N, C-alpha and C. Protein backbone atom coordinates (compact mmCIF):
# COMPACT_ATOMS: atom_id res chain seq x y z
N MET A 1 56.66 -63.78 25.12
CA MET A 1 55.38 -63.21 25.43
C MET A 1 54.30 -64.06 24.77
N ARG A 2 53.25 -64.33 25.50
CA ARG A 2 52.13 -65.10 24.98
C ARG A 2 51.27 -64.22 24.08
N PRO A 3 50.84 -64.71 22.92
CA PRO A 3 50.03 -63.89 22.02
C PRO A 3 48.64 -63.63 22.59
N MET A 4 48.02 -62.54 22.13
CA MET A 4 46.64 -62.23 22.53
C MET A 4 45.73 -63.35 22.05
N PRO A 5 44.71 -63.69 22.84
CA PRO A 5 43.84 -64.80 22.45
C PRO A 5 42.86 -64.46 21.31
N ARG A 6 42.80 -63.21 20.90
CA ARG A 6 41.89 -62.85 19.81
C ARG A 6 42.53 -61.80 18.91
N ASP A 7 41.99 -61.69 17.74
CA ASP A 7 42.45 -60.72 16.77
C ASP A 7 41.94 -59.33 17.16
N LEU A 8 42.82 -58.36 17.23
CA LEU A 8 42.43 -56.99 17.59
C LEU A 8 42.59 -56.03 16.41
N THR A 9 42.60 -56.54 15.21
CA THR A 9 42.80 -55.70 14.04
C THR A 9 41.81 -54.55 14.02
N GLY A 10 42.35 -53.32 13.99
CA GLY A 10 41.53 -52.12 13.95
C GLY A 10 41.00 -51.66 15.29
N HIS A 11 41.18 -52.43 16.34
CA HIS A 11 40.71 -52.07 17.68
C HIS A 11 41.56 -50.91 18.21
N VAL A 12 40.93 -49.86 18.73
CA VAL A 12 41.66 -48.72 19.27
C VAL A 12 41.81 -48.89 20.78
N LEU A 13 43.04 -49.05 21.21
CA LEU A 13 43.36 -49.31 22.61
C LEU A 13 44.17 -48.14 23.15
N ALA A 14 43.66 -47.45 24.16
CA ALA A 14 44.36 -46.35 24.82
C ALA A 14 44.91 -46.86 26.15
N ILE A 15 46.20 -46.66 26.36
CA ILE A 15 46.86 -47.20 27.56
C ILE A 15 47.60 -46.08 28.29
N THR A 16 47.28 -45.86 29.56
CA THR A 16 48.06 -44.93 30.38
C THR A 16 49.20 -45.72 31.03
N GLY A 17 50.28 -45.05 31.34
CA GLY A 17 51.43 -45.72 31.95
C GLY A 17 52.06 -46.73 31.02
N ALA A 18 52.19 -46.36 29.75
CA ALA A 18 52.64 -47.30 28.72
C ALA A 18 54.15 -47.32 28.50
N SER A 19 54.92 -46.58 29.29
CA SER A 19 56.35 -46.49 29.02
C SER A 19 57.15 -47.70 29.50
N SER A 20 56.58 -48.51 30.40
CA SER A 20 57.32 -49.67 30.92
C SER A 20 56.34 -50.63 31.59
N GLY A 21 56.86 -51.74 32.03
CA GLY A 21 56.09 -52.70 32.82
C GLY A 21 54.86 -53.25 32.11
N ILE A 22 53.78 -53.32 32.84
CA ILE A 22 52.52 -53.89 32.34
C ILE A 22 52.02 -53.13 31.12
N GLY A 23 52.08 -51.81 31.17
CA GLY A 23 51.59 -51.00 30.05
C GLY A 23 52.35 -51.27 28.76
N ALA A 24 53.67 -51.34 28.84
CA ALA A 24 54.48 -51.60 27.65
C ALA A 24 54.26 -53.03 27.15
N ALA A 25 54.16 -53.99 28.06
CA ALA A 25 53.92 -55.38 27.66
C ALA A 25 52.56 -55.52 26.98
N LEU A 26 51.56 -54.85 27.52
CA LEU A 26 50.23 -54.89 26.91
C LEU A 26 50.27 -54.24 25.52
N ALA A 27 50.96 -53.13 25.40
CA ALA A 27 51.08 -52.46 24.11
C ALA A 27 51.73 -53.38 23.08
N GLU A 28 52.79 -54.08 23.47
CA GLU A 28 53.46 -55.00 22.55
C GLU A 28 52.52 -56.12 22.10
N ALA A 29 51.82 -56.74 23.04
CA ALA A 29 50.92 -57.84 22.70
C ALA A 29 49.76 -57.36 21.84
N ALA A 30 49.20 -56.20 22.19
CA ALA A 30 48.06 -55.67 21.44
C ALA A 30 48.47 -55.27 20.02
N ALA A 31 49.66 -54.69 19.87
CA ALA A 31 50.14 -54.31 18.54
C ALA A 31 50.34 -55.55 17.68
N GLN A 32 50.88 -56.60 18.26
CA GLN A 32 51.07 -57.85 17.52
C GLN A 32 49.73 -58.45 17.10
N ALA A 33 48.67 -58.17 17.87
CA ALA A 33 47.33 -58.68 17.55
C ALA A 33 46.58 -57.74 16.62
N GLY A 34 47.22 -56.63 16.20
CA GLY A 34 46.62 -55.74 15.21
C GLY A 34 45.95 -54.49 15.73
N ALA A 35 46.07 -54.21 17.03
CA ALA A 35 45.42 -53.03 17.60
C ALA A 35 46.13 -51.75 17.18
N ARG A 36 45.36 -50.67 17.13
CA ARG A 36 45.91 -49.33 16.95
C ARG A 36 46.01 -48.74 18.35
N LEU A 37 47.18 -48.22 18.69
CA LEU A 37 47.47 -47.83 20.07
C LEU A 37 47.57 -46.32 20.26
N ALA A 38 47.03 -45.86 21.38
CA ALA A 38 47.26 -44.52 21.90
C ALA A 38 47.94 -44.73 23.25
N LEU A 39 49.17 -44.27 23.35
CA LEU A 39 49.97 -44.53 24.54
C LEU A 39 50.32 -43.23 25.24
N CYS A 40 50.19 -43.23 26.56
CA CYS A 40 50.63 -42.05 27.31
C CYS A 40 51.38 -42.47 28.56
N ALA A 41 52.31 -41.63 28.94
CA ALA A 41 53.10 -41.78 30.16
C ALA A 41 53.92 -40.52 30.32
N ARG A 42 54.62 -40.41 31.43
CA ARG A 42 55.47 -39.23 31.64
C ARG A 42 56.78 -39.35 30.88
N ARG A 43 57.23 -40.57 30.59
CA ARG A 43 58.54 -40.78 29.94
C ARG A 43 58.35 -41.00 28.44
N THR A 44 58.35 -39.91 27.71
CA THR A 44 58.13 -39.96 26.26
C THR A 44 59.20 -40.77 25.55
N ASP A 45 60.46 -40.64 25.96
CA ASP A 45 61.55 -41.35 25.29
C ASP A 45 61.34 -42.86 25.34
N ALA A 46 60.90 -43.38 26.46
CA ALA A 46 60.66 -44.82 26.58
C ALA A 46 59.50 -45.27 25.69
N MET A 47 58.45 -44.46 25.59
CA MET A 47 57.33 -44.81 24.71
C MET A 47 57.74 -44.75 23.24
N GLN A 48 58.53 -43.75 22.88
CA GLN A 48 58.98 -43.64 21.49
C GLN A 48 59.86 -44.82 21.11
N ALA A 49 60.68 -45.28 22.02
CA ALA A 49 61.51 -46.47 21.76
C ALA A 49 60.62 -47.69 21.58
N LEU A 50 59.58 -47.80 22.39
CA LEU A 50 58.62 -48.91 22.27
C LEU A 50 57.94 -48.89 20.90
N VAL A 51 57.44 -47.73 20.50
CA VAL A 51 56.75 -47.61 19.21
C VAL A 51 57.70 -47.88 18.05
N ALA A 52 58.95 -47.50 18.19
CA ALA A 52 59.94 -47.78 17.14
C ALA A 52 60.11 -49.29 16.97
N ARG A 53 60.09 -50.03 18.08
CA ARG A 53 60.18 -51.49 18.00
C ARG A 53 58.92 -52.10 17.41
N LEU A 54 57.76 -51.52 17.74
CA LEU A 54 56.48 -52.07 17.30
C LEU A 54 56.19 -51.79 15.83
N GLY A 55 56.63 -50.62 15.36
CA GLY A 55 56.23 -50.19 14.02
C GLY A 55 54.76 -49.78 14.06
N GLY A 56 54.25 -49.31 12.94
CA GLY A 56 52.84 -48.92 12.90
C GLY A 56 52.63 -47.46 13.20
N ASP A 57 51.40 -47.04 13.07
CA ASP A 57 51.01 -45.64 13.23
C ASP A 57 50.34 -45.43 14.58
N HIS A 58 51.10 -45.58 15.65
CA HIS A 58 50.56 -45.45 17.00
C HIS A 58 50.75 -44.02 17.52
N LEU A 59 49.88 -43.59 18.38
CA LEU A 59 49.94 -42.26 18.98
C LEU A 59 50.71 -42.32 20.29
N VAL A 60 51.64 -41.40 20.49
CA VAL A 60 52.41 -41.31 21.73
C VAL A 60 52.24 -39.90 22.27
N LEU A 61 51.81 -39.80 23.53
CA LEU A 61 51.63 -38.50 24.16
C LEU A 61 52.25 -38.50 25.55
N THR A 62 52.99 -37.45 25.86
CA THR A 62 53.48 -37.28 27.22
C THR A 62 52.30 -36.84 28.07
N CYS A 63 52.09 -37.54 29.18
CA CYS A 63 50.91 -37.24 30.00
C CYS A 63 51.15 -37.66 31.44
N ASP A 64 50.90 -36.76 32.35
CA ASP A 64 50.88 -37.06 33.78
C ASP A 64 49.41 -37.18 34.14
N VAL A 65 48.95 -38.40 34.42
CA VAL A 65 47.51 -38.61 34.62
C VAL A 65 46.96 -37.96 35.88
N SER A 66 47.81 -37.39 36.72
CA SER A 66 47.30 -36.66 37.87
C SER A 66 46.88 -35.25 37.49
N ASP A 67 47.11 -34.86 36.24
CA ASP A 67 46.74 -33.54 35.74
C ASP A 67 45.51 -33.67 34.84
N PRO A 68 44.37 -33.12 35.26
CA PRO A 68 43.13 -33.25 34.48
C PRO A 68 43.26 -32.74 33.04
N GLU A 69 43.98 -31.66 32.83
CA GLU A 69 44.13 -31.10 31.49
C GLU A 69 44.91 -32.06 30.58
N GLN A 70 45.95 -32.67 31.12
CA GLN A 70 46.72 -33.61 30.32
C GLN A 70 45.90 -34.86 29.98
N CYS A 71 45.06 -35.31 30.91
CA CYS A 71 44.16 -36.44 30.61
C CYS A 71 43.19 -36.06 29.50
N ALA A 72 42.64 -34.86 29.58
CA ALA A 72 41.70 -34.40 28.55
C ALA A 72 42.40 -34.35 27.19
N GLN A 73 43.65 -33.89 27.17
CA GLN A 73 44.40 -33.82 25.91
C GLN A 73 44.66 -35.22 25.36
N PHE A 74 44.96 -36.17 26.22
CA PHE A 74 45.20 -37.55 25.78
C PHE A 74 43.94 -38.15 25.14
N ILE A 75 42.81 -37.99 25.81
CA ILE A 75 41.55 -38.53 25.28
C ILE A 75 41.19 -37.83 23.97
N ALA A 76 41.30 -36.49 23.93
CA ALA A 76 40.96 -35.75 22.72
C ALA A 76 41.89 -36.11 21.55
N ALA A 77 43.19 -36.23 21.82
CA ALA A 77 44.14 -36.57 20.76
C ALA A 77 43.89 -37.98 20.23
N THR A 78 43.53 -38.90 21.11
CA THR A 78 43.22 -40.27 20.68
C THR A 78 41.99 -40.27 19.78
N ARG A 79 40.97 -39.55 20.19
CA ARG A 79 39.76 -39.47 19.38
C ARG A 79 40.04 -38.79 18.03
N GLN A 80 40.82 -37.74 18.06
CA GLN A 80 41.13 -37.03 16.82
C GLN A 80 41.90 -37.95 15.85
N ARG A 81 42.85 -38.71 16.36
CA ARG A 81 43.69 -39.57 15.52
C ARG A 81 42.92 -40.78 15.00
N PHE A 82 42.13 -41.43 15.89
CA PHE A 82 41.52 -42.71 15.53
C PHE A 82 39.99 -42.66 15.40
N GLY A 83 39.36 -41.56 15.84
CA GLY A 83 37.92 -41.43 15.71
C GLY A 83 37.12 -42.05 16.84
N ARG A 84 37.76 -42.81 17.69
CA ARG A 84 37.05 -43.48 18.79
C ARG A 84 38.07 -44.09 19.75
N ILE A 85 37.57 -44.60 20.87
CA ILE A 85 38.36 -45.41 21.80
C ILE A 85 37.53 -46.66 22.08
N ASP A 86 38.07 -47.83 21.75
CA ASP A 86 37.36 -49.07 22.02
C ASP A 86 37.63 -49.58 23.43
N THR A 87 38.87 -49.47 23.86
CA THR A 87 39.24 -49.91 25.20
C THR A 87 40.22 -48.92 25.80
N LEU A 88 39.95 -48.51 27.04
CA LEU A 88 40.82 -47.62 27.79
C LEU A 88 41.41 -48.41 28.95
N VAL A 89 42.74 -48.50 29.02
CA VAL A 89 43.40 -49.21 30.11
C VAL A 89 44.08 -48.18 31.00
N CYS A 90 43.56 -48.02 32.21
CA CYS A 90 44.13 -47.08 33.20
C CYS A 90 45.19 -47.84 33.99
N ASN A 91 46.42 -47.73 33.55
CA ASN A 91 47.51 -48.52 34.10
C ASN A 91 48.56 -47.68 34.81
N ALA A 92 48.51 -46.36 34.69
CA ALA A 92 49.57 -45.51 35.25
C ALA A 92 49.72 -45.73 36.76
N GLY A 93 50.94 -45.77 37.19
CA GLY A 93 51.23 -45.97 38.61
C GLY A 93 52.65 -46.48 38.77
N TYR A 94 52.98 -46.89 39.96
CA TYR A 94 54.29 -47.46 40.21
C TYR A 94 54.17 -48.44 41.37
N GLY A 95 55.17 -49.26 41.55
CA GLY A 95 55.13 -50.26 42.61
C GLY A 95 55.96 -49.86 43.81
N LEU A 96 55.56 -50.34 44.95
CA LEU A 96 56.35 -50.21 46.17
C LEU A 96 56.92 -51.58 46.47
N HIS A 97 58.22 -51.67 46.61
CA HIS A 97 58.86 -52.96 46.78
C HIS A 97 59.21 -53.17 48.26
N GLN A 98 58.17 -53.44 49.02
CA GLN A 98 58.33 -53.71 50.44
C GLN A 98 57.07 -54.41 50.93
N PRO A 99 57.14 -55.07 52.08
CA PRO A 99 55.93 -55.71 52.61
C PRO A 99 54.82 -54.69 52.87
N VAL A 100 53.60 -55.07 52.59
CA VAL A 100 52.45 -54.17 52.78
C VAL A 100 52.40 -53.65 54.22
N ALA A 101 52.70 -54.50 55.19
CA ALA A 101 52.64 -54.10 56.60
C ALA A 101 53.62 -52.98 56.93
N GLN A 102 54.65 -52.79 56.11
CA GLN A 102 55.64 -51.74 56.35
C GLN A 102 55.35 -50.47 55.55
N THR A 103 54.25 -50.44 54.84
CA THR A 103 53.90 -49.29 54.01
C THR A 103 53.22 -48.23 54.87
N THR A 104 53.71 -47.00 54.78
CA THR A 104 53.11 -45.91 55.54
C THR A 104 51.86 -45.39 54.82
N THR A 105 51.05 -44.66 55.53
CA THR A 105 49.86 -44.05 54.93
C THR A 105 50.26 -43.11 53.80
N ALA A 106 51.30 -42.32 54.00
CA ALA A 106 51.75 -41.39 52.96
C ALA A 106 52.20 -42.14 51.71
N GLN A 107 52.94 -43.24 51.90
CA GLN A 107 53.37 -44.04 50.74
C GLN A 107 52.15 -44.62 50.02
N TRP A 108 51.19 -45.11 50.77
CA TRP A 108 50.01 -45.71 50.16
C TRP A 108 49.21 -44.68 49.36
N ARG A 109 49.07 -43.47 49.91
CA ARG A 109 48.36 -42.42 49.19
C ARG A 109 49.10 -42.04 47.90
N ARG A 110 50.42 -41.90 47.98
CA ARG A 110 51.20 -41.55 46.80
C ARG A 110 51.17 -42.68 45.77
N PHE A 111 51.19 -43.91 46.24
CA PHE A 111 51.15 -45.09 45.38
C PHE A 111 49.84 -45.16 44.60
N GLY A 112 48.73 -44.89 45.25
CA GLY A 112 47.42 -45.04 44.62
C GLY A 112 46.95 -43.83 43.84
N ALA A 113 47.54 -42.68 44.07
CA ALA A 113 47.06 -41.44 43.44
C ALA A 113 47.07 -41.48 41.92
N PRO A 114 48.18 -41.87 41.27
CA PRO A 114 48.15 -41.85 39.79
C PRO A 114 47.07 -42.75 39.21
N MET A 115 46.89 -43.94 39.79
CA MET A 115 45.90 -44.87 39.27
C MET A 115 44.49 -44.33 39.47
N SER A 116 44.19 -43.82 40.66
CA SER A 116 42.83 -43.35 40.90
C SER A 116 42.52 -42.12 40.05
N TRP A 117 43.49 -41.24 39.87
CA TRP A 117 43.28 -40.08 39.00
C TRP A 117 43.06 -40.51 37.56
N ALA A 118 43.88 -41.43 37.08
CA ALA A 118 43.73 -41.89 35.70
C ALA A 118 42.36 -42.50 35.49
N LEU A 119 41.95 -43.34 36.40
CA LEU A 119 40.65 -43.99 36.27
C LEU A 119 39.52 -42.97 36.28
N ARG A 120 39.53 -42.08 37.27
CA ARG A 120 38.46 -41.11 37.39
C ARG A 120 38.43 -40.13 36.22
N LEU A 121 39.57 -39.53 35.94
CA LEU A 121 39.60 -38.50 34.92
C LEU A 121 39.37 -39.05 33.52
N CYS A 122 40.10 -40.09 33.17
CA CYS A 122 39.95 -40.63 31.82
C CYS A 122 38.56 -41.21 31.60
N CYS A 123 38.03 -41.91 32.59
CA CYS A 123 36.69 -42.48 32.44
C CYS A 123 35.64 -41.39 32.38
N THR A 124 35.78 -40.37 33.22
CA THR A 124 34.83 -39.27 33.21
C THR A 124 34.88 -38.55 31.87
N LEU A 125 36.07 -38.29 31.37
CA LEU A 125 36.20 -37.60 30.09
C LEU A 125 35.66 -38.45 28.95
N ARG A 126 35.87 -39.76 29.01
CA ARG A 126 35.39 -40.64 27.96
C ARG A 126 33.85 -40.69 27.98
N ALA A 127 33.28 -40.63 29.15
CA ALA A 127 31.84 -40.84 29.28
C ALA A 127 31.02 -39.56 29.20
N MET A 128 31.66 -38.40 29.34
CA MET A 128 30.91 -37.15 29.40
C MET A 128 31.04 -36.36 28.11
N PRO A 129 30.00 -36.38 27.26
CA PRO A 129 30.08 -35.66 25.99
C PRO A 129 30.36 -34.17 26.14
N GLY A 130 30.01 -33.57 27.26
CA GLY A 130 30.28 -32.16 27.47
C GLY A 130 31.76 -31.85 27.55
N LYS A 131 32.57 -32.81 27.97
CA LYS A 131 34.01 -32.61 28.08
C LYS A 131 34.72 -33.03 26.80
N VAL A 132 34.47 -34.26 26.37
CA VAL A 132 35.04 -34.77 25.13
C VAL A 132 33.96 -35.60 24.46
N ALA A 133 33.53 -35.19 23.31
CA ALA A 133 32.46 -35.91 22.62
C ALA A 133 33.04 -37.09 21.86
N LEU A 134 32.66 -38.28 22.27
CA LEU A 134 33.11 -39.49 21.59
C LEU A 134 31.92 -40.15 20.93
N PRO A 135 32.12 -40.78 19.78
CA PRO A 135 31.00 -41.32 19.02
C PRO A 135 30.52 -42.69 19.49
N PHE A 136 30.38 -42.86 20.79
CA PHE A 136 29.80 -44.10 21.31
C PHE A 136 29.21 -43.82 22.67
N PRO A 137 28.18 -44.56 23.06
CA PRO A 137 27.66 -44.38 24.41
C PRO A 137 28.66 -44.95 25.41
N PRO A 138 28.64 -44.49 26.66
CA PRO A 138 29.62 -44.95 27.64
C PRO A 138 29.69 -46.47 27.77
N ALA A 139 28.60 -47.17 27.64
CA ALA A 139 28.61 -48.63 27.81
C ALA A 139 29.24 -49.35 26.62
N ALA A 140 29.44 -48.66 25.50
CA ALA A 140 29.95 -49.32 24.30
C ALA A 140 31.45 -49.55 24.34
N ALA A 141 32.15 -48.84 25.18
CA ALA A 141 33.60 -49.02 25.28
C ALA A 141 33.92 -49.74 26.58
N ARG A 142 35.10 -50.28 26.63
CA ARG A 142 35.52 -50.99 27.83
C ARG A 142 36.60 -50.18 28.53
N THR A 143 36.59 -50.22 29.87
CA THR A 143 37.63 -49.58 30.65
C THR A 143 38.21 -50.61 31.60
N ALA A 144 39.52 -50.69 31.65
CA ALA A 144 40.18 -51.63 32.55
C ALA A 144 41.10 -50.84 33.47
N CYS A 145 41.10 -51.20 34.73
CA CYS A 145 42.00 -50.59 35.69
C CYS A 145 42.99 -51.67 36.10
N VAL A 146 44.26 -51.47 35.81
CA VAL A 146 45.29 -52.43 36.12
C VAL A 146 45.98 -51.97 37.39
N SER A 147 46.00 -52.82 38.40
CA SER A 147 46.57 -52.42 39.67
C SER A 147 48.03 -52.83 39.79
N PRO A 148 48.92 -51.86 40.03
CA PRO A 148 50.31 -52.25 40.30
C PRO A 148 50.35 -53.00 41.63
N CYS A 149 51.30 -53.88 41.78
CA CYS A 149 51.33 -54.75 42.96
C CYS A 149 52.41 -54.33 43.95
N LEU A 150 52.18 -54.69 45.17
CA LEU A 150 53.19 -54.56 46.22
C LEU A 150 53.90 -55.90 46.33
N ASP A 151 55.19 -55.87 46.59
CA ASP A 151 55.92 -57.13 46.82
C ASP A 151 55.52 -57.73 48.15
N ARG A 152 55.46 -59.04 48.17
CA ARG A 152 55.17 -59.86 49.35
C ARG A 152 53.80 -59.66 49.87
């Protein structure tokens, strides 16, 4: 794995879909660069195994990002543990391993739902003090949406 290009010591990074794939790889690289991590996914066992390998005082929460209450709990727990969120990575989702032309409308909707919910809910909760009060203006934090890919 290539190291992060900058030092992230003390940086609070919240990652959805952190149990495998891009989310887990990002968590590993960010932890090596000194970031404090808040990780969520539906598979708690996989995240706990990841954190055991990483070491450190990282937050692990079981969360289905299609559920608004679970997203709110993830954002609130991250804020409670670390006091802020510097970067939110909306990565939850899964891949379809088939040509795009063979993807049905139903598959496409199911494929995109976790990502769009994570982005909307987590970003809305992060930015709206009425829902979750965070000690920074919305523009002060960064939000990244990582798109899972289709094969071919």
